[in-house]
């Protein structure tokens, strides 16, 4: 039992390196952007475009990654599974690329970016390159080549950051100095103020092109062949997951797509920028969940046939909840200094942070629970559950954004993910009975919530230093609870291995 857990932990750590480190580095772009562009409306552009990128990425990959994991573990000829999935994505992505670039001016006009058609063109190219790389990255995960996976992901973000810093720091500063001193410089001439925050999209595109070059072997190191029968089976498995993905993106990003449309034109982009920046403060929870998801999906599939697989799933769930509750508490106990990661002009939205942290915790639990319908092949239930969450998201956002702005979006996210978690739990108990340790869940999650509400008693009433000390004493008490009640169990598991 312990060895699989150790393997999952090590894989999560490596994938965490490839997810946490890039996202942590990318996280530093948030203060970089918010301090360089102090008008939240500018960051609102970044928030909106990336919401569309996330949404369209799901459509362009249409569940093929998970289908690949499912079929590559069942088929002795792994090359044919990889080749079929890759050809499928290459074909649909090429079609999207042609349509997207041809209609970029029309799309830009519809999104109020008529003066920045290049934003839409770069967006289309980013989405296409992301889709093309999806299956090669999935293959690296399936073959447990986590080091190569991590290296390429990290290289991508380093290039991304480098290009951003070059244009938005060095070139922008040189351009502003040229204006102030009425001079002309090479660096200053490279910066176009009409592009502004749009250099973030150009940087992303350049980084993706670099990653494609690093993945060259994954595109040529095999024989291309296409199995139509296998492809239809993969599509049958994947299409319900596309619905899951689309509904999931509605839950995750649709609020940032419609926010400016449901608010008065004079404040829409400003509110979107504030919400987008403060959303990023909850990134630590999101990063861990993403790293865990990368490692857990192939892990659960590979151990599905083991007799103790359900017991293993329950153990994974328990420690996942304990750690995520710690992340929630650690963030909120230190929000007095974490808030400086965004410019003061964005602090009005800090009230969404605890709501979004809890929402992402529930989403992570749902990801754990979702293993039941993936392993049993009943992916239709994943579609039903996520559609329920999407319906909740849409209803709350459309009903309350005009009155409560982005606070409605935050609460919609929390209620949506909480509903998905609860429904998935009860369905899993019916179709894939697993004895989860609910007592442990309520114990650690309950204490995390209690300590957070206790910290609100002195919030703003004491000096920031005293408040920070008291908050972190509560965090240490939480750690002591783990050491007291769970560490002995964890040590026994390791000893058994």
Foldseek 3Di string as FASTA:
>chain_A
DLVLVVVLVVLLVLLLLLQVVLVVLVLLVLQVQCVLPVQLLLLLVVQQLVLVLLLVLLVLLLQLLLLLLQVCVVDPPNQQSLLQSLVVSLVSLVVQLVVQVVCLCVVCVVLVNNVPSVLSNLSSLLSSLSSNCSSLLSVCLLVVVSNLSSVLSNQLSVQLVVQCCQASPVLVVVLVVCVVVVHDDPSVVVYDVVCHVVSSSVSNSVSSVVSCVSSVCSVPVGDRDHDPVSSVVSSVLRNLVSLLSNLVSLLVRVLSNCLLVLEPVVCRSSLSSLQSSLLSLLVVLVSSLVSSLSSVSSSLSVCVPPPCSLVVLQVVLLVLLLVLLLSLLVSLLPVVPSVSSHDPSNCVPNVLNSLQSLLSSLLSLLSSLVSLCSNVSVSNVSSVLSNQLSVLQVVQSNVPCHPPNCVSSSNSSNVSSNSSSVVSVVVCCVRPNHDHDVVSNCVLNVLSVVLSVVLVVCVPVDPPVVSSVSSVVSSVVSVVVCVVPPPVVSVVSVVVD
